[in-house]
Amino acid sequence: MLWKWPNRRKCSRIGFGLEIVQCFPYHEAMTNYSVGDDWRVRINGREQHPLPHVHVQFRDGSRVSLAIETGALLVGHVSPRKRLEPVRTWIETHRDALLTEYRRLNP
């Protein structure tokens, strides 16, 4: 199954050592990280949440939100739960860059 992401033509690629796609069709600002074969990470801009977090979408359509600082599951469900482990490891490895990007998009 191939990933289908809306409005690829309206997205621009920028680089920080990761494949990052900035898209603006749904939020004023959004950064997508194309990471795993089974999942993607997104940071939305202009959100009214006090806790820095990322949105994770899995290939089967499951969605979760994880806290950047702790990796805690905030919202959503994925089965089996062990599918969250590589995401949490990736978040831990890139925590500083994710926090910087979250703060840039959510001043």
N, C-alpha and C. Protein backbone atom coordinates (compact mmCIF):
# COMPACT_ATOMS: atom_id res chain seq x y z
N MET A 1 0.85 -1.18 0.00
CA MET A 1 0.00 0.00 0.00
C MET A 1 0.89 1.24 0.00
N LEU A 2 0.60 2.18 -0.86
CA LEU A 2 1.37 3.41 -0.94
C LEU A 2 0.75 4.47 -0.06
N TRP A 3 1.62 5.35 0.46
CA TRP A 3 1.13 6.49 1.22
C TRP A 3 0.45 7.45 0.27
N LYS A 4 -0.66 8.00 0.69
CA LYS A 4 -1.33 9.03 -0.09
C LYS A 4 -1.46 10.25 0.80
N TRP A 5 -0.80 11.31 0.44
CA TRP A 5 -0.85 12.55 1.22
C TRP A 5 -1.40 13.65 0.34
N PRO A 6 -2.31 14.45 0.86
CA PRO A 6 -2.98 15.46 0.06
C PRO A 6 -2.05 16.60 -0.34
N ASN A 7 -2.35 17.17 -1.48
CA ASN A 7 -1.74 18.40 -1.94
C ASN A 7 -0.23 18.38 -1.96
N ARG A 8 0.36 17.30 -2.48
CA ARG A 8 1.82 17.22 -2.55
C ARG A 8 2.40 18.38 -3.36
N ARG A 9 1.65 18.88 -4.34
CA ARG A 9 2.16 19.98 -5.16
C ARG A 9 2.26 21.27 -4.37
N LYS A 10 1.48 21.42 -3.32
CA LYS A 10 1.51 22.63 -2.51
C LYS A 10 2.51 22.55 -1.37
N CYS A 11 3.29 21.48 -1.33
CA CYS A 11 4.26 21.28 -0.26
C CYS A 11 5.65 21.62 -0.76
N SER A 12 6.49 22.10 0.12
CA SER A 12 7.87 22.36 -0.24
C SER A 12 8.77 21.56 0.69
N ARG A 13 9.85 21.03 0.14
CA ARG A 13 10.77 20.23 0.94
C ARG A 13 11.89 21.11 1.47
N ILE A 14 12.18 20.94 2.76
CA ILE A 14 13.32 21.60 3.37
C ILE A 14 14.13 20.53 4.06
N GLY A 15 15.37 20.79 4.38
CA GLY A 15 16.18 19.73 4.95
C GLY A 15 16.87 20.10 6.24
N PHE A 16 16.82 19.22 7.18
CA PHE A 16 17.57 19.31 8.43
C PHE A 16 18.20 17.95 8.71
N GLY A 17 18.67 17.27 7.69
CA GLY A 17 19.18 15.92 7.86
C GLY A 17 18.08 14.88 7.87
N LEU A 18 16.83 15.32 7.76
CA LEU A 18 15.67 14.45 7.70
C LEU A 18 14.85 14.88 6.51
N GLU A 19 14.02 14.00 6.01
CA GLU A 19 13.10 14.41 4.97
C GLU A 19 11.94 15.12 5.64
N ILE A 20 11.84 16.39 5.43
CA ILE A 20 10.80 17.19 6.04
C ILE A 20 9.98 17.83 4.93
N VAL A 21 8.69 17.80 5.06
CA VAL A 21 7.82 18.42 4.08
C VAL A 21 6.96 19.43 4.81
N GLN A 22 7.02 20.69 4.38
CA GLN A 22 6.16 21.71 4.97
C GLN A 22 4.96 21.89 4.08
N CYS A 23 3.77 21.79 4.66
CA CYS A 23 2.54 21.94 3.90
C CYS A 23 1.67 22.98 4.59
N PHE A 24 0.89 23.68 3.81
CA PHE A 24 0.07 24.73 4.37
C PHE A 24 -1.41 24.65 4.01
N PRO A 25 -1.92 23.52 3.51
CA PRO A 25 -3.33 23.54 3.12
C PRO A 25 -4.31 23.45 4.28
N TYR A 26 -3.97 22.80 5.39
CA TYR A 26 -4.93 22.55 6.45
C TYR A 26 -4.70 23.41 7.69
N HIS A 27 -3.48 23.77 7.93
CA HIS A 27 -3.13 24.61 9.06
C HIS A 27 -2.31 25.75 8.50
N GLU A 28 -2.12 26.79 9.30
CA GLU A 28 -1.27 27.87 8.82
C GLU A 28 0.14 27.36 8.58
N ALA A 29 0.56 26.39 9.38
CA ALA A 29 1.88 25.79 9.18
C ALA A 29 1.85 24.37 9.69
N MET A 30 2.54 23.51 9.00
CA MET A 30 2.58 22.10 9.37
C MET A 30 3.90 21.53 8.86
N THR A 31 4.53 20.70 9.66
CA THR A 31 5.75 20.03 9.22
C THR A 31 5.54 18.53 9.32
N ASN A 32 5.74 17.82 8.21
CA ASN A 32 5.63 16.37 8.16
C ASN A 32 7.02 15.77 8.08
N TYR A 33 7.28 14.78 8.91
CA TYR A 33 8.53 14.05 8.88
C TYR A 33 8.23 12.67 8.30
N SER A 34 8.77 12.36 7.16
CA SER A 34 8.60 11.04 6.55
C SER A 34 9.66 10.14 7.14
N VAL A 35 9.26 9.27 8.04
CA VAL A 35 10.24 8.52 8.82
C VAL A 35 10.19 7.03 8.55
N GLY A 36 9.20 6.36 9.09
CA GLY A 36 9.16 4.91 9.02
C GLY A 36 8.33 4.40 7.85
N ASP A 37 8.45 3.11 7.59
CA ASP A 37 7.63 2.49 6.56
C ASP A 37 6.17 2.40 6.99
N ASP A 38 5.95 2.36 8.29
CA ASP A 38 4.61 2.16 8.82
C ASP A 38 4.00 3.43 9.41
N TRP A 39 4.78 4.51 9.54
CA TRP A 39 4.27 5.69 10.23
C TRP A 39 4.95 6.97 9.76
N ARG A 40 4.25 8.09 10.03
CA ARG A 40 4.73 9.44 9.76
C ARG A 40 4.48 10.29 10.98
N VAL A 41 5.30 11.31 11.15
CA VAL A 41 5.16 12.24 12.27
C VAL A 41 4.83 13.61 11.71
N ARG A 42 3.90 14.31 12.36
CA ARG A 42 3.50 15.64 11.93
C ARG A 42 3.45 16.58 13.13
N ILE A 43 3.90 17.81 12.93
CA ILE A 43 3.75 18.87 13.92
C ILE A 43 2.86 19.93 13.29
N ASN A 44 1.76 20.25 13.93
CA ASN A 44 0.85 21.28 13.43
C ASN A 44 1.21 22.62 14.03
N GLY A 45 1.00 23.67 13.27
CA GLY A 45 1.20 25.01 13.76
C GLY A 45 -0.09 25.63 14.26
N ARG A 46 0.05 26.64 15.06
CA ARG A 46 -1.07 27.42 15.58
C ARG A 46 -2.05 26.58 16.39
N GLU A 47 -1.54 25.59 17.10
CA GLU A 47 -2.40 24.79 17.97
C GLU A 47 -2.49 25.48 19.33
N GLN A 48 -3.60 25.29 19.98
CA GLN A 48 -3.83 25.94 21.27
C GLN A 48 -3.60 24.97 22.43
N HIS A 49 -2.62 24.08 22.29
CA HIS A 49 -2.32 23.12 23.35
C HIS A 49 -1.03 23.54 24.05
N PRO A 50 -1.01 23.48 25.38
CA PRO A 50 0.20 23.91 26.08
C PRO A 50 1.33 22.88 26.04
N LEU A 51 1.01 21.62 25.82
CA LEU A 51 2.01 20.56 25.87
C LEU A 51 2.58 20.28 24.47
N PRO A 52 3.91 20.44 24.28
CA PRO A 52 4.49 20.12 22.97
C PRO A 52 4.27 18.64 22.63
N HIS A 53 3.74 18.39 21.44
CA HIS A 53 3.39 17.03 21.04
C HIS A 53 3.51 16.88 19.54
N VAL A 54 3.52 15.64 19.10
CA VAL A 54 3.52 15.32 17.67
C VAL A 54 2.31 14.44 17.38
N HIS A 55 1.88 14.49 16.14
CA HIS A 55 0.80 13.64 15.67
C HIS A 55 1.45 12.54 14.83
N VAL A 56 1.07 11.30 15.09
CA VAL A 56 1.63 10.16 14.36
C VAL A 56 0.49 9.46 13.64
N GLN A 57 0.70 9.23 12.34
CA GLN A 57 -0.29 8.49 11.55
C GLN A 57 0.37 7.22 11.05
N PHE A 58 -0.31 6.10 11.26
CA PHE A 58 0.18 4.80 10.81
C PHE A 58 -0.47 4.46 9.48
N ARG A 59 0.17 3.58 8.75
CA ARG A 59 -0.28 3.21 7.42
C ARG A 59 -1.72 2.68 7.42
N ASP A 60 -2.14 2.02 8.50
CA ASP A 60 -3.50 1.46 8.54
C ASP A 60 -4.55 2.50 8.92
N GLY A 61 -4.13 3.76 9.10
CA GLY A 61 -5.06 4.83 9.43
C GLY A 61 -5.12 5.16 10.91
N SER A 62 -4.49 4.36 11.77
CA SER A 62 -4.46 4.65 13.19
C SER A 62 -3.71 5.96 13.42
N ARG A 63 -4.18 6.73 14.39
CA ARG A 63 -3.54 8.02 14.71
C ARG A 63 -3.39 8.15 16.21
N VAL A 64 -2.26 8.73 16.62
CA VAL A 64 -2.01 9.00 18.03
C VAL A 64 -1.30 10.34 18.13
N SER A 65 -1.35 10.92 19.33
CA SER A 65 -0.55 12.09 19.66
C SER A 65 0.35 11.70 20.81
N LEU A 66 1.64 12.02 20.69
CA LEU A 66 2.63 11.70 21.72
C LEU A 66 3.31 12.97 22.19
N ALA A 67 3.55 13.07 23.49
CA ALA A 67 4.28 14.19 24.05
C ALA A 67 5.73 14.11 23.59
N ILE A 68 6.29 15.24 23.16
CA ILE A 68 7.67 15.25 22.67
C ILE A 68 8.64 15.00 23.81
N GLU A 69 8.41 15.61 24.96
CA GLU A 69 9.37 15.52 26.05
C GLU A 69 9.39 14.17 26.74
N THR A 70 8.24 13.48 26.80
CA THR A 70 8.18 12.22 27.55
C THR A 70 7.85 11.01 26.69
N GLY A 71 7.29 11.24 25.51
CA GLY A 71 6.85 10.12 24.67
C GLY A 71 5.53 9.53 25.13
N ALA A 72 4.88 10.18 26.09
CA ALA A 72 3.62 9.66 26.63
C ALA A 72 2.50 9.73 25.58
N LEU A 73 1.66 8.73 25.56
CA LEU A 73 0.50 8.71 24.68
C LEU A 73 -0.55 9.67 25.22
N LEU A 74 -0.90 10.68 24.43
CA LEU A 74 -1.87 11.68 24.88
C LEU A 74 -3.27 11.38 24.36
N VAL A 75 -3.37 11.01 23.09
CA VAL A 75 -4.66 10.77 22.45
C VAL A 75 -4.47 9.69 21.40
N GLY A 76 -5.49 8.88 21.22
CA GLY A 76 -5.48 7.91 20.12
C GLY A 76 -5.21 6.49 20.56
N HIS A 77 -5.18 5.61 19.55
CA HIS A 77 -4.99 4.19 19.82
C HIS A 77 -4.32 3.55 18.61
N VAL A 78 -3.40 2.65 18.89
CA VAL A 78 -2.78 1.85 17.84
C VAL A 78 -2.63 0.44 18.39
N SER A 79 -2.86 -0.53 17.52
CA SER A 79 -2.77 -1.93 17.95
C SER A 79 -1.87 -2.68 16.98
N PRO A 80 -0.96 -3.48 17.47
CA PRO A 80 -0.55 -3.64 18.86
C PRO A 80 0.27 -2.44 19.33
N ARG A 81 0.28 -2.24 20.64
CA ARG A 81 0.95 -1.08 21.22
C ARG A 81 2.45 -1.07 20.98
N LYS A 82 3.04 -2.21 20.69
CA LYS A 82 4.48 -2.25 20.46
C LYS A 82 4.87 -1.46 19.21
N ARG A 83 3.90 -1.13 18.35
CA ARG A 83 4.18 -0.30 17.18
C ARG A 83 4.61 1.11 17.58
N LEU A 84 4.31 1.52 18.82
CA LEU A 84 4.72 2.84 19.29
C LEU A 84 6.20 2.91 19.66
N GLU A 85 6.82 1.79 19.94
CA GLU A 85 8.21 1.80 20.41
C GLU A 85 9.19 2.44 19.43
N PRO A 86 9.17 2.09 18.12
CA PRO A 86 10.10 2.77 17.21
C PRO A 86 9.81 4.27 17.08
N VAL A 87 8.55 4.64 17.22
CA VAL A 87 8.19 6.06 17.15
C VAL A 87 8.77 6.78 18.36
N ARG A 88 8.60 6.20 19.53
CA ARG A 88 9.14 6.81 20.75
C ARG A 88 10.66 6.91 20.71
N THR A 89 11.31 5.89 20.18
CA THR A 89 12.77 5.92 20.04
C THR A 89 13.18 7.04 19.09
N TRP A 90 12.46 7.20 17.99
CA TRP A 90 12.77 8.26 17.03
C TRP A 90 12.56 9.63 17.65
N ILE A 91 11.46 9.80 18.41
CA ILE A 91 11.19 11.07 19.08
C ILE A 91 12.29 11.38 20.07
N GLU A 92 12.72 10.39 20.84
CA GLU A 92 13.79 10.59 21.82
C GLU A 92 15.08 11.02 21.14
N THR A 93 15.40 10.40 20.01
CA THR A 93 16.62 10.73 19.27
C THR A 93 16.58 12.14 18.71
N HIS A 94 15.41 12.60 18.28
CA HIS A 94 15.26 13.90 17.63
C HIS A 94 14.53 14.93 18.50
N ARG A 95 14.52 14.72 19.79
CA ARG A 95 13.75 15.55 20.71
C ARG A 95 14.05 17.05 20.56
N ASP A 96 15.33 17.42 20.53
CA ASP A 96 15.68 18.84 20.47
C ASP A 96 15.17 19.49 19.19
N ALA A 97 15.34 18.82 18.05
CA ALA A 97 14.87 19.37 16.78
C ALA A 97 13.34 19.46 16.76
N LEU A 98 12.66 18.47 17.33
CA LEU A 98 11.20 18.49 17.36
C LEU A 98 10.68 19.62 18.25
N LEU A 99 11.31 19.81 19.41
CA LEU A 99 10.89 20.90 20.29
C LEU A 99 11.12 22.25 19.64
N THR A 100 12.25 22.40 18.96
CA THR A 100 12.54 23.65 18.26
C THR A 100 11.49 23.93 17.20
N GLU A 101 11.15 22.91 16.42
CA GLU A 101 10.15 23.06 15.37
C GLU A 101 8.77 23.32 15.95
N TYR A 102 8.41 22.64 17.04
CA TYR A 102 7.11 22.87 17.67
C TYR A 102 7.00 24.32 18.15
N ARG A 103 8.06 24.82 18.78
CA ARG A 103 8.05 26.20 19.29
C ARG A 103 8.05 27.21 18.16
N ARG A 104 8.68 26.88 17.03
CA ARG A 104 8.65 27.78 15.88
C ARG A 104 7.25 27.88 15.29
N LEU A 105 6.55 26.75 15.20
CA LEU A 105 5.22 26.73 14.63
C LEU A 105 4.13 27.19 15.61
N ASN A 106 4.44 27.15 16.90
CA ASN A 106 3.46 27.51 17.94
C ASN A 106 4.08 28.54 18.88
N PRO A 107 4.25 29.77 18.40
CA PRO A 107 4.92 30.80 19.23
C PRO A 107 4.13 31.18 20.46
